[in-house]
PDB file of N, CA and C in Angstrom:
ATOM      1  N   MET A   1       4.768   2.615 -20.024  1.00  0.00           N
ATOM      2  CA  MET A   1       6.171   2.310 -19.798  1.00  0.00           C
ATOM      3  C   MET A   1       6.691   1.557 -21.022  1.00  0.00           C
ATOM      4  N   ASN A   2       7.896   1.915 -21.421  1.00  0.00           N
ATOM      5  CA  ASN A   2       8.542   1.202 -22.521  1.00  0.00           C
ATOM      6  C   ASN A   2       9.835   0.569 -21.994  1.00  0.00           C
ATOM      7  N   LEU A   3      10.540  -0.122 -22.868  1.00  0.00           N
ATOM      8  CA  LEU A   3      11.754  -0.838 -22.472  1.00  0.00           C
ATOM      9  C   LEU A   3      12.787   0.103 -21.869  1.00  0.00           C
ATOM     10  N   GLN A   4      12.998   1.248 -22.490  1.00  0.00           N
ATOM     11  CA  GLN A   4      14.011   2.189 -21.996  1.00  0.00           C
ATOM     12  C   GLN A   4      13.654   2.701 -20.601  1.00  0.00           C
ATOM     13  N   GLU A   5      12.402   3.068 -20.394  1.00  0.00           N
ATOM     14  CA  GLU A   5      11.969   3.536 -19.066  1.00  0.00           C
ATOM     15  C   GLU A   5      12.141   2.444 -18.013  1.00  0.00           C
ATOM     16  N   PHE A   6      11.797   1.231 -18.386  1.00  0.00           N
ATOM     17  CA  PHE A   6      11.944   0.091 -17.483  1.00  0.00           C
ATOM     18  C   PHE A   6      13.411  -0.094 -17.088  1.00  0.00           C
ATOM     19  N   ARG A   7      14.291  -0.086 -18.070  1.00  0.00           N
ATOM     20  CA  ARG A   7      15.723  -0.269 -17.801  1.00  0.00           C
ATOM     21  C   ARG A   7      16.270   0.856 -16.933  1.00  0.00           C
ATOM     22  N   GLU A   8      15.892   2.063 -17.223  1.00  0.00           N
ATOM     23  CA  GLU A   8      16.365   3.205 -16.434  1.00  0.00           C
ATOM     24  C   GLU A   8      15.877   3.111 -14.996  1.00  0.00           C
ATOM     25  N   TYR A   9      14.618   2.769 -14.818  1.00  0.00           N
ATOM     26  CA  TYR A   9      14.070   2.659 -13.462  1.00  0.00           C
ATOM     27  C   TYR A   9      14.828   1.604 -12.659  1.00  0.00           C
ATOM     28  N   CYS A  10      15.058   0.461 -13.273  1.00  0.00           N
ATOM     29  CA  CYS A  10      15.780  -0.617 -12.583  1.00  0.00           C
ATOM     30  C   CYS A  10      17.226  -0.219 -12.285  1.00  0.00           C
ATOM     31  N   SER A  11      17.842   0.511 -13.198  1.00  0.00           N
ATOM     32  CA  SER A  11      19.260   0.849 -13.042  1.00  0.00           C
ATOM     33  C   SER A  11      19.534   1.764 -11.855  1.00  0.00           C
ATOM     34  N   PHE A  12      18.534   2.492 -11.381  1.00  0.00           N
ATOM     35  CA  PHE A  12      18.716   3.372 -10.233  1.00  0.00           C
ATOM     36  C   PHE A  12      18.668   2.639  -8.897  1.00  0.00           C
ATOM     37  N   LYS A  13      18.303   1.380  -8.932  1.00  0.00           N
ATOM     38  CA  LYS A  13      18.255   0.595  -7.697  1.00  0.00           C
ATOM     39  C   LYS A  13      19.671   0.153  -7.319  1.00  0.00           C
ATOM     40  N   LYS A  14      19.875  -0.039  -6.046  1.00  0.00           N
ATOM     41  CA  LYS A  14      21.199  -0.375  -5.521  1.00  0.00           C
ATOM     42  C   LYS A  14      21.636  -1.775  -5.968  1.00  0.00           C
ATOM     43  N   ASN A  15      22.899  -1.884  -6.397  1.00  0.00           N
ATOM     44  CA  ASN A  15      23.546  -3.154  -6.765  1.00  0.00           C
ATOM     45  C   ASN A  15      22.876  -3.894  -7.919  1.00  0.00           C
ATOM     46  N   VAL A  16      22.345  -3.162  -8.876  1.00  0.00           N
ATOM     47  CA  VAL A  16      21.663  -3.771 -10.024  1.00  0.00           C
ATOM     48  C   VAL A  16      22.604  -3.864 -11.210  1.00  0.00           C
ATOM     49  N   THR A  17      22.547  -5.016 -11.882  1.00  0.00           N
ATOM     50  CA  THR A  17      23.309  -5.215 -13.114  1.00  0.00           C
ATOM     51  C   THR A  17      22.398  -5.811 -14.183  1.00  0.00           C
ATOM     52  N   GLU A  18      22.784  -5.600 -15.423  1.00  0.00           N
ATOM     53  CA  GLU A  18      22.089  -6.191 -16.569  1.00  0.00           C
ATOM     54  C   GLU A  18      23.026  -7.167 -17.252  1.00  0.00           C
ATOM     55  N   SER A  19      22.453  -8.240 -17.787  1.00  0.00           N
ATOM     56  CA  SER A  19      23.256  -9.192 -18.559  1.00  0.00           C
ATOM     57  C   SER A  19      22.354  -9.962 -19.517  1.00  0.00           C
ATOM     58  N   PHE A  20      23.000 -10.720 -20.396  1.00  0.00           N
ATOM     59  CA  PHE A  20      22.313 -11.578 -21.357  1.00  0.00           C
ATOM     60  C   PHE A  20      22.868 -13.000 -21.221  1.00  0.00           C
ATOM     61  N   PRO A  21      22.594 -13.674 -20.095  1.00  0.00           N
ATOM     62  CA  PRO A  21      23.200 -14.983 -19.865  1.00  0.00           C
ATOM     63  C   PRO A  21      22.612 -16.125 -20.702  1.00  0.00           C
ATOM     64  N   PHE A  22      21.410 -15.943 -21.213  1.00  0.00           N
ATOM     65  CA  PHE A  22      20.742 -17.029 -21.936  1.00  0.00           C
ATOM     66  C   PHE A  22      20.923 -16.937 -23.444  1.00  0.00           C
ATOM     67  N   ASP A  23      20.801 -15.725 -23.972  1.00  0.00           N
ATOM     68  CA  ASP A  23      20.924 -15.480 -25.409  1.00  0.00           C
ATOM     69  C   ASP A  23      21.100 -13.978 -25.611  1.00  0.00           C
ATOM     70  N   GLU A  24      21.079 -13.516 -26.855  1.00  0.00           N
ATOM     71  CA  GLU A  24      21.318 -12.113 -27.153  1.00  0.00           C
ATOM     72  C   GLU A  24      20.072 -11.245 -27.011  1.00  0.00           C
ATOM     73  N   GLU A  25      18.926 -11.843 -26.709  1.00  0.00           N
ATOM     74  CA  GLU A  25      17.705 -11.033 -26.638  1.00  0.00           C
ATOM     75  C   GLU A  25      17.002 -11.059 -25.285  1.00  0.00           C
ATOM     76  N   THR A  26      17.377 -11.952 -24.396  1.00  0.00           N
ATOM     77  CA  THR A  26      16.743 -12.021 -23.085  1.00  0.00           C
ATOM     78  C   THR A  26      17.572 -11.236 -22.078  1.00  0.00           C
ATOM     79  N   LEU A  27      17.094 -10.035 -21.774  1.00  0.00           N
ATOM     80  CA  LEU A  27      17.758  -9.161 -20.817  1.00  0.00           C
ATOM     81  C   LEU A  27      17.389  -9.602 -19.403  1.00  0.00           C
ATOM     82  N   VAL A  28      18.393  -9.898 -18.597  1.00  0.00           N
ATOM     83  CA  VAL A  28      18.204 -10.304 -17.210  1.00  0.00           C
ATOM     84  C   VAL A  28      18.715  -9.178 -16.321  1.00  0.00           C
ATOM     85  N   ILE A  29      17.889  -8.766 -15.391  1.00  0.00           N
ATOM     86  CA  ILE A  29      18.270  -7.712 -14.455  1.00  0.00           C
ATOM     87  C   ILE A  29      18.366  -8.344 -13.077  1.00  0.00           C
ATOM     88  N   LYS A  30      19.545  -8.160 -12.462  1.00  0.00           N
ATOM     89  CA  LYS A  30      19.830  -8.803 -11.175  1.00  0.00           C
ATOM     90  C   LYS A  30      20.150  -7.765 -10.115  1.00  0.00           C
ATOM     91  N   VAL A  31      19.872  -8.148  -8.873  1.00  0.00           N
ATOM     92  CA  VAL A  31      20.416  -7.448  -7.725  1.00  0.00           C
ATOM     93  C   VAL A  31      21.414  -8.430  -7.125  1.00  0.00           C
ATOM     94  N   LYS A  32      22.671  -7.975  -7.048  1.00  0.00           N
ATOM     95  CA  LYS A  32      23.769  -8.875  -6.688  1.00  0.00           C
ATOM     96  C   LYS A  32      23.761 -10.031  -7.688  1.00  0.00           C
ATOM     97  N   SER A  33      23.639 -11.260  -7.207  1.00  0.00           N
ATOM     98  CA  SER A  33      23.697 -12.418  -8.106  1.00  0.00           C
ATOM     99  C   SER A  33      22.326 -13.001  -8.425  1.00  0.00           C
ATOM    100  N   LYS A  34      21.260 -12.350  -7.964  1.00  0.00           N
ATOM    101  CA  LYS A  34      19.916 -12.910  -8.107  1.00  0.00           C
ATOM    102  C   LYS A  34      19.052 -12.096  -9.066  1.00  0.00           C
ATOM    103  N   MET A  35      18.365 -12.798  -9.933  1.00  0.00           N
ATOM    104  CA  MET A  35      17.502 -12.189 -10.932  1.00  0.00           C
ATOM    105  C   MET A  35      16.206 -11.689 -10.283  1.00  0.00           C
ATOM    106  N   PHE A  36      15.806 -10.448 -10.644  1.00  0.00           N
ATOM    107  CA  PHE A  36      14.507  -9.959 -10.190  1.00  0.00           C
ATOM    108  C   PHE A  36      13.610  -9.514 -11.347  1.00  0.00           C
ATOM    109  N   ALA A  37      14.172  -9.445 -12.554  1.00  0.00           N
ATOM    110  CA  ALA A  37      13.362  -9.079 -13.721  1.00  0.00           C
ATOM    111  C   ALA A  37      14.036  -9.582 -14.983  1.00  0.00           C
ATOM    112  N   LEU A  38      13.223  -9.884 -15.979  1.00  0.00           N
ATOM    113  CA  LEU A  38      13.765 -10.211 -17.293  1.00  0.00           C
ATOM    114  C   LEU A  38      12.758  -9.879 -18.367  1.00  0.00           C
ATOM    115  N   THR A  39      13.281  -9.639 -19.565  1.00  0.00           N
ATOM    116  CA  THR A  39      12.439  -9.283 -20.694  1.00  0.00           C
ATOM    117  C   THR A  39      13.153  -9.643 -21.991  1.00  0.00           C
ATOM    118  N   ASN A  40      12.389  -9.842 -23.025  1.00  0.00           N
ATOM    119  CA  ASN A  40      12.939 -10.066 -24.359  1.00  0.00           C
ATOM    120  C   ASN A  40      12.998  -8.707 -25.051  1.00  0.00           C
ATOM    121  N   ILE A  41      14.198  -8.241 -25.339  1.00  0.00           N
ATOM    122  CA  ILE A  41      14.349  -6.897 -25.905  1.00  0.00           C
ATOM    123  C   ILE A  41      13.934  -6.807 -27.374  1.00  0.00           C
ATOM    124  N   ASN A  42      13.762  -7.941 -28.040  1.00  0.00           N
ATOM    125  CA  ASN A  42      13.390  -7.934 -29.455  1.00  0.00           C
ATOM    126  C   ASN A  42      11.922  -8.242 -29.698  1.00  0.00           C
ATOM    127  N   ASN A  43      11.189  -8.556 -28.661  1.00  0.00           N
ATOM    128  CA  ASN A  43       9.775  -8.888 -28.808  1.00  0.00           C
ATOM    129  C   ASN A  43       8.985  -7.610 -29.061  1.00  0.00           C
ATOM    130  N   LYS A  44       8.193  -7.573 -30.127  1.00  0.00           N
ATOM    131  CA  LYS A  44       7.420  -6.364 -30.440  1.00  0.00           C
ATOM    132  C   LYS A  44       6.363  -6.080 -29.376  1.00  0.00           C
ATOM    133  N   ASP A  45       5.875  -7.114 -28.700  1.00  0.00           N
ATOM    134  CA  ASP A  45       4.928  -6.950 -27.598  1.00  0.00           C
ATOM    135  C   ASP A  45       5.725  -6.956 -26.299  1.00  0.00           C
ATOM    136  N   PHE A  46       5.989  -5.768 -25.746  1.00  0.00           N
ATOM    137  CA  PHE A  46       6.820  -5.618 -24.563  1.00  0.00           C
ATOM    138  C   PHE A  46       6.156  -6.272 -23.354  1.00  0.00           C
ATOM    139  N   SER A  47       6.908  -7.147 -22.705  1.00  0.00           N
ATOM    140  CA  SER A  47       6.449  -7.777 -21.464  1.00  0.00           C
ATOM    141  C   SER A  47       7.660  -7.978 -20.563  1.00  0.00           C
ATOM    142  N   ILE A  48       7.377  -8.080 -19.264  1.00  0.00           N
ATOM    143  CA  ILE A  48       8.453  -8.303 -18.303  1.00  0.00           C
ATOM    144  C   ILE A  48       8.044  -9.419 -17.349  1.00  0.00           C
ATOM    145  N   ASN A  49       9.021 -10.172 -16.897  1.00  0.00           N
ATOM    146  CA  ASN A  49       8.800 -11.181 -15.859  1.00  0.00           C
ATOM    147  C   ASN A  49       9.315 -10.605 -14.554  1.00  0.00           C
ATOM    148  N   LEU A  50       8.485 -10.689 -13.515  1.00  0.00           N
ATOM    149  CA  LEU A  50       8.837 -10.171 -12.210  1.00  0.00           C
ATOM    150  C   LEU A  50       8.466 -11.173 -11.128  1.00  0.00           C
ATOM    151  N   LYS A  51       9.276 -11.222 -10.105  1.00  0.00           N
ATOM    152  CA  LYS A  51       8.985 -12.066  -8.956  1.00  0.00           C
ATOM    153  C   LYS A  51       7.845 -11.415  -8.171  1.00  0.00           C
ATOM    154  N   CYS A  52       7.026 -12.247  -7.511  1.00  0.00           N
ATOM    155  CA  CYS A  52       5.886 -11.715  -6.773  1.00  0.00           C
ATOM    156  C   CYS A  52       5.504 -12.673  -5.650  1.00  0.00           C
ATOM    157  N   ASP A  53       4.919 -12.130  -4.604  1.00  0.00           N
ATOM    158  CA  ASP A  53       4.374 -12.945  -3.529  1.00  0.00           C
ATOM    159  C   ASP A  53       3.282 -13.847  -4.113  1.00  0.00           C
ATOM    160  N   PRO A  54       3.275 -15.142  -3.791  1.00  0.00           N
ATOM    161  CA  PRO A  54       2.292 -16.058  -4.384  1.00  0.00           C
ATOM    162  C   PRO A  54       0.828 -15.655  -4.190  1.00  0.00           C
ATOM    163  N   MET A  55       0.476 -15.164  -3.016  1.00  0.00           N
ATOM    164  CA  MET A  55      -0.925 -14.760  -2.784  1.00  0.00           C
ATOM    165  C   MET A  55      -1.280 -13.533  -3.621  1.00  0.00           C
ATOM    166  N   LEU A  56      -0.380 -12.583  -3.688  1.00  0.00           N
ATOM    167  CA  LEU A  56      -0.617 -11.394  -4.500  1.00  0.00           C
ATOM    168  C   LEU A  56      -0.661 -11.763  -5.980  1.00  0.00           C
ATOM    169  N   SER A  57       0.176 -12.707  -6.399  1.00  0.00           N
ATOM    170  CA  SER A  57       0.174 -13.150  -7.800  1.00  0.00           C
ATOM    171  C   SER A  57      -1.207 -13.610  -8.229  1.00  0.00           C
ATOM    172  N   GLN A  58      -1.824 -14.410  -7.394  1.00  0.00           N
ATOM    173  CA  GLN A  58      -3.169 -14.923  -7.711  1.00  0.00           C
ATOM    174  C   GLN A  58      -4.167 -13.782  -7.864  1.00  0.00           C
ATOM    175  N   ALA A  59      -4.129 -12.834  -6.937  1.00  0.00           N
ATOM    176  CA  ALA A  59      -5.062 -11.700  -6.995  1.00  0.00           C
ATOM    177  C   ALA A  59      -4.818 -10.853  -8.245  1.00  0.00           C
ATOM    178  N   LEU A  60      -3.561 -10.603  -8.551  1.00  0.00           N
ATOM    179  CA  LEU A  60      -3.232  -9.794  -9.732  1.00  0.00           C
ATOM    180  C   LEU A  60      -3.675 -10.480 -11.020  1.00  0.00           C
ATOM    181  N   ARG A  61      -3.483 -11.774 -11.087  1.00  0.00           N
ATOM    182  CA  ARG A  61      -3.872 -12.522 -12.297  1.00  0.00           C
ATOM    183  C   ARG A  61      -5.384 -12.502 -12.493  1.00  0.00           C
ATOM    184  N   GLN A  62      -6.126 -12.442 -11.392  1.00  0.00           N
ATOM    185  CA  GLN A  62      -7.587 -12.353 -11.498  1.00  0.00           C
ATOM    186  C   GLN A  62      -8.030 -10.950 -11.887  1.00  0.00           C
ATOM    187  N   GLU A  63      -7.302  -9.950 -11.406  1.00  0.00           N
ATOM    188  CA  GLU A  63      -7.685  -8.563 -11.650  1.00  0.00           C
ATOM    189  C   GLU A  63      -7.275  -8.064 -13.034  1.00  0.00           C
ATOM    190  N   TYR A  64      -6.121  -8.518 -13.529  1.00  0.00           N
ATOM    191  CA  TYR A  64      -5.580  -7.997 -14.787  1.00  0.00           C
ATOM    192  C   TYR A  64      -5.369  -9.123 -15.803  1.00  0.00           C
ATOM    193  N   LYS A  65      -5.945  -8.939 -16.960  1.00  0.00           N
ATOM    194  CA  LYS A  65      -5.744  -9.886 -18.059  1.00  0.00           C
ATOM    195  C   LYS A  65      -4.287  -9.915 -18.518  1.00  0.00           C
ATOM    196  N   ALA A  66      -3.592  -8.791 -18.330  1.00  0.00           N
ATOM    197  CA  ALA A  66      -2.212  -8.645 -18.802  1.00  0.00           C
ATOM    198  C   ALA A  66      -1.191  -9.284 -17.859  1.00  0.00           C
ATOM    199  N   ILE A  67      -1.639  -9.844 -16.746  1.00  0.00           N
ATOM    200  CA  ILE A  67      -0.732 -10.519 -15.818  1.00  0.00           C
ATOM    201  C   ILE A  67      -1.043 -12.011 -15.830  1.00  0.00           C
ATOM    202  N   THR A  68      -0.038 -12.784 -16.211  1.00  0.00           N
ATOM    203  CA  THR A  68      -0.189 -14.229 -16.329  1.00  0.00           C
ATOM    204  C   THR A  68       0.943 -14.925 -15.577  1.00  0.00           C
ATOM    205  N   PRO A  69       0.825 -16.239 -15.354  1.00  0.00           N
ATOM    206  CA  PRO A  69       1.932 -16.960 -14.714  1.00  0.00           C
ATOM    207  C   PRO A  69       3.221 -16.775 -15.520  1.00  0.00           C
ATOM    208  N   GLY A  70       4.333 -16.689 -14.822  1.00  0.00           N
ATOM    209  CA  GLY A  70       5.619 -16.396 -15.447  1.00  0.00           C
ATOM    210  C   GLY A  70       5.994 -17.350 -16.567  1.00  0.00           C
ATOM    211  N   TYR A  71       6.220 -16.792 -17.745  1.00  0.00           N
ATOM    212  CA  TYR A  71       6.619 -17.571 -18.917  1.00  0.00           C
ATOM    213  C   TYR A  71       8.020 -18.131 -18.692  1.00  0.00           C
ATOM    214  N   HIS A  72       8.167 -19.439 -18.770  1.00  0.00           N
ATOM    215  CA  HIS A  72       9.435 -20.143 -18.550  1.00  0.00           C
ATOM    216  C   HIS A  72       9.992 -19.933 -17.143  1.00  0.00           C
ATOM    217  N   MET A  73       9.113 -19.665 -16.178  1.00  0.00           N
ATOM    218  CA  MET A  73       9.547 -19.395 -14.809  1.00  0.00           C
ATOM    219  C   MET A  73       8.706 -20.247 -13.851  1.00  0.00           C
ATOM    220  N   ASN A  74       9.086 -20.217 -12.568  1.00  0.00           N
ATOM    221  CA  ASN A  74       8.277 -20.851 -11.534  1.00  0.00           C
ATOM    222  C   ASN A  74       6.966 -20.077 -11.451  1.00  0.00           C
ATOM    223  N   LYS A  75       5.884 -20.704 -11.824  1.00  0.00           N
ATOM    224  CA  LYS A  75       4.603 -20.014 -11.966  1.00  0.00           C
ATOM    225  C   LYS A  75       3.981 -19.604 -10.635  1.00  0.00           C
ATOM    226  N   THR A  76       4.499 -20.136  -9.540  1.00  0.00           N
ATOM    227  CA  THR A  76       4.019 -19.730  -8.225  1.00  0.00           C
ATOM    228  C   THR A  76       4.611 -18.377  -7.833  1.00  0.00           C
ATOM    229  N   HIS A  77       5.860 -18.155  -8.186  1.00  0.00           N
ATOM    230  CA  HIS A  77       6.585 -16.976  -7.706  1.00  0.00           C
ATOM    231  C   HIS A  77       6.859 -15.914  -8.762  1.00  0.00           C
ATOM    232  N   TRP A  78       6.534 -16.182 -10.003  1.00  0.00           N
ATOM    233  CA  TRP A  78       6.837 -15.234 -11.083  1.00  0.00           C
ATOM    234  C   TRP A  78       5.604 -14.952 -11.936  1.00  0.00           C
ATOM    235  N   ASN A  79       5.482 -13.704 -12.354  1.00  0.00           N
ATOM    236  CA  ASN A  79       4.426 -13.283 -13.272  1.00  0.00           C
ATOM    237  C   ASN A  79       5.042 -12.718 -14.542  1.00  0.00           C
ATOM    238  N   THR A  80       4.359 -12.912 -15.645  1.00  0.00           N
ATOM    239  CA  THR A  80       4.662 -12.199 -16.873  1.00  0.00           C
ATOM    240  C   THR A  80       3.632 -11.086 -16.984  1.00  0.00           C
ATOM    241  N   ILE A  81       4.130  -9.874 -17.185  1.00  0.00           N
ATOM    242  CA  ILE A  81       3.256  -8.714 -17.282  1.00  0.00           C
ATOM    243  C   ILE A  81       3.378  -8.139 -18.683  1.00  0.00           C
ATOM    244  N   ILE A  82       2.299  -8.173 -19.418  1.00  0.00           N
ATOM    245  CA  ILE A  82       2.270  -7.622 -20.770  1.00  0.00           C
ATOM    246  C   ILE A  82       2.022  -6.119 -20.634  1.00  0.00           C
ATOM    247  N   ILE A  83       2.928  -5.343 -21.187  1.00  0.00           N
ATOM    248  CA  ILE A  83       2.828  -3.888 -21.073  1.00  0.00           C
ATOM    249  C   ILE A  83       2.017  -3.383 -22.268  1.00  0.00           C
ATOM    250  N   ASP A  84       0.708  -3.320 -22.058  1.00  0.00           N
ATOM    251  CA  ASP A  84      -0.211  -2.939 -23.133  1.00  0.00           C
ATOM    252  C   ASP A  84      -1.044  -1.705 -22.789  1.00  0.00           C
ATOM    253  N   GLY A  85      -0.722  -1.055 -21.659  1.00  0.00           N
ATOM    254  CA  GLY A  85      -1.465   0.127 -21.252  1.00  0.00           C
ATOM    255  C   GLY A  85      -2.612  -0.157 -20.302  1.00  0.00           C
ATOM    256  N   SER A  86      -2.916  -1.427 -20.067  1.00  0.00           N
ATOM    257  CA  SER A  86      -4.045  -1.757 -19.199  1.00  0.00           C
ATOM    258  C   SER A  86      -3.706  -1.673 -17.706  1.00  0.00           C
ATOM    259  N   ILE A  87      -2.415  -1.588 -17.400  1.00  0.00           N
ATOM    260  CA  ILE A  87      -1.964  -1.450 -16.016  1.00  0.00           C
ATOM    261  C   ILE A  87      -1.237  -0.113 -15.919  1.00  0.00           C
ATOM    262  N   ASN A  88      -1.648   0.725 -14.969  1.00  0.00           N
ATOM    263  CA  ASN A  88      -1.035   2.052 -14.899  1.00  0.00           C
ATOM    264  C   ASN A  88       0.422   1.974 -14.461  1.00  0.00           C
ATOM    265  N   LYS A  89       1.150   3.032 -14.770  1.00  0.00           N
ATOM    266  CA  LYS A  89       2.590   3.075 -14.541  1.00  0.00           C
ATOM    267  C   LYS A  89       2.929   2.915 -13.058  1.00  0.00           C
ATOM    268  N   GLU A  90       2.152   3.521 -12.187  1.00  0.00           N
ATOM    269  CA  GLU A  90       2.417   3.418 -10.750  1.00  0.00           C
ATOM    270  C   GLU A  90       2.342   1.971 -10.280  1.00  0.00           C
ATOM    271  N   LYS A  91       1.377   1.222 -10.769  1.00  0.00           N
ATOM    272  CA  LYS A  91       1.235  -0.193 -10.401  1.00  0.00           C
ATOM    273  C   LYS A  91       2.418  -0.985 -10.941  1.00  0.00           C
ATOM    274  N   LEU A  92       2.828  -0.693 -12.174  1.00  0.00           N
ATOM    275  CA  LEU A  92       3.979  -1.388 -12.757  1.00  0.00           C
ATOM    276  C   LEU A  92       5.243  -1.128 -11.944  1.00  0.00           C
ATOM    277  N   LEU A  93       5.465   0.124 -11.562  1.00  0.00           N
ATOM    278  CA  LEU A  93       6.645   0.456 -10.765  1.00  0.00           C
ATOM    279  C   LEU A  93       6.583  -0.205  -9.395  1.00  0.00           C
ATOM    280  N   PHE A  94       5.384  -0.273  -8.817  1.00  0.00           N
ATOM    281  CA  PHE A  94       5.205  -0.984  -7.548  1.00  0.00           C
ATOM    282  C   PHE A  94       5.610  -2.453  -7.703  1.00  0.00           C
ATOM    283  N   LEU A  95       5.215  -3.083  -8.796  1.00  0.00           N
ATOM    284  CA  LEU A  95       5.534  -4.496  -9.017  1.00  0.00           C
ATOM    285  C   LEU A  95       7.027  -4.711  -9.250  1.00  0.00           C
ATOM    286  N   VAL A  96       7.683  -3.769  -9.916  1.00  0.00           N
ATOM    287  CA  VAL A  96       9.145  -3.841 -10.077  1.00  0.00           C
ATOM    288  C   VAL A  96       9.798  -3.730  -8.699  1.00  0.00           C
ATOM    289  N   ASP A  97       9.352  -2.758  -7.906  1.00  0.00           N
ATOM    290  CA  ASP A  97       9.899  -2.570  -6.550  1.00  0.00           C
ATOM    291  C   ASP A  97       9.683  -3.811  -5.696  1.00  0.00           C
ATOM    292  N   LEU A  98       8.506  -4.391  -5.781  1.00  0.00           N
ATOM    293  CA  LEU A  98       8.195  -5.592  -5.006  1.00  0.00           C
ATOM    294  C   LEU A  98       9.120  -6.738  -5.391  1.00  0.00           C
ATOM    295  N   SER A  99       9.329  -6.934  -6.683  1.00  0.00           N
ATOM    296  CA  SER A  99      10.210  -7.999  -7.151  1.00  0.00           C
ATOM    297  C   SER A  99      11.622  -7.785  -6.609  1.00  0.00           C
ATOM    298  N   TYR A 100      12.113  -6.574  -6.734  1.00  0.00           N
ATOM    299  CA  TYR A 100      13.443  -6.231  -6.228  1.00  0.00           C
ATOM    300  C   TYR A 100      13.527  -6.518  -4.722  1.00  0.00           C
ATOM    301  N   ASP A 101      12.543  -6.039  -3.971  1.00  0.00           N
ATOM    302  CA  ASP A 101      12.545  -6.216  -2.517  1.00  0.00           C
ATOM    303  C   ASP A 101      12.486  -7.686  -2.107  1.00  0.00           C
ATOM    304  N   LEU A 102      11.691  -8.476  -2.809  1.00  0.00           N
ATOM    305  CA  LEU A 102      11.608  -9.912  -2.498  1.00  0.00           C
ATOM    306  C   LEU A 102      12.948 -10.598  -2.714  1.00  0.00           C
ATOM    307  N   VAL A 103      13.634 -10.225  -3.776  1.00  0.00           N
ATOM    308  CA  VAL A 103      14.929 -10.835  -4.066  1.00  0.00           C
ATOM    309  C   VAL A 103      15.970 -10.371  -3.052  1.00  0.00           C
ATOM    310  N   VAL A 104      15.988  -9.099  -2.729  1.00  0.00           N
ATOM    311  CA  VAL A 104      16.936  -8.592  -1.723  1.00  0.00           C
ATOM    312  C   VAL A 104      16.706  -9.310  -0.397  1.00  0.00           C
ATOM    313  N   LYS A 105      15.466  -9.486  -0.038  1.00  0.00           N
ATOM    314  CA  LYS A 105      15.123 -10.176   1.214  1.00  0.00           C
ATOM    315  C   LYS A 105      15.681 -11.606   1.236  1.00  0.00           C
ATOM    316  N   GLY A 106      15.782 -12.229   0.078  1.00  0.00           N
ATOM    317  CA  GLY A 106      16.280 -13.595  -0.025  1.00  0.00           C
ATOM    318  C   GLY A 106      17.800 -13.710  -0.150  1.00  0.00           C
ATOM    319  N   LEU A 107      18.488 -12.583  -0.254  1.00  0.00           N
ATOM    320  CA  LEU A 107      19.942 -12.621  -0.347  1.00  0.00           C
ATOM    321  C   LEU A 107      20.557 -13.022   0.995  1.00  0.00           C
ATOM    322  N   LYS A 108      21.787 -13.502   0.926  1.00  0.00           N
ATOM    323  CA  LYS A 108      22.523 -13.777   2.157  1.00  0.00           C
ATOM    324  C   LYS A 108      22.690 -12.472   2.916  1.00  0.00           C
ATOM    325  N   LYS A 109      22.745 -12.559   4.234  1.00  0.00           N
ATOM    326  CA  LYS A 109      22.893 -11.352   5.055  1.00  0.00           C
ATOM    327  C   LYS A 109      24.096 -10.523   4.636  1.00  0.00           C
ATOM    328  N   SER A 110      25.193 -11.193   4.344  1.00  0.00           N
ATOM    329  CA  SER A 110      26.414 -10.464   3.960  1.00  0.00           C
ATOM    330  C   SER A 110      26.205  -9.677   2.673  1.00  0.00           C
ATOM    331  N   GLU A 111      25.436 -10.222   1.739  1.00  0.00           N
ATOM    332  CA  GLU A 111      25.165  -9.512   0.484  1.00  0.00           C
ATOM    333  C   GLU A 111      24.219  -8.337   0.706  1.00  0.00           C
ATOM    334  N   ARG A 112      23.246  -8.515   1.603  1.00  0.00           N
ATOM    335  CA  ARG A 112      22.285  -7.451   1.859  1.00  0.00           C
ATOM    336  C   ARG A 112      22.948  -6.230   2.481  1.00  0.00           C
ATOM    337  N   TRP A 113      23.976  -6.445   3.277  1.00  0.00           N
ATOM    338  CA  TRP A 113      24.631  -5.330   3.972  1.00  0.00           C
ATOM    339  C   TRP A 113      25.557  -4.543   3.067  1.00  0.00           C
ATOM    340  N   GLU A 114      25.941  -5.103   1.946  1.00  0.00           N
ATOM    341  CA  GLU A 114      26.866  -4.387   1.050  1.00  0.00           C
ATOM    342  C   GLU A 114      26.184  -3.212   0.383  1.00  0.00           C
TER     343      GLU A 114
END
């Protein structure tokens, strides 16, 4: 997976927007008003930050060297995933979906129904 594939996959999800609220290189992907993914678009080593269930985060970090506690994020709920080929595309897409679903679940009921 590369940056373009990642962006396209996220863009097909309902109520997703992209922005650069922090600087010109940190792409933030939100569902409604809540962030579910972010990445540095200028970093030569492509990585993404995704929200994750805390118990699953621990297991993933033990299983994959490329998954570490979220860089500049709450390390209990966020992982940084280095896209180096060591994690297959299906697993990466599952983790994107999981992050999206966790954030949607945390939205206000009125936002979820829109």
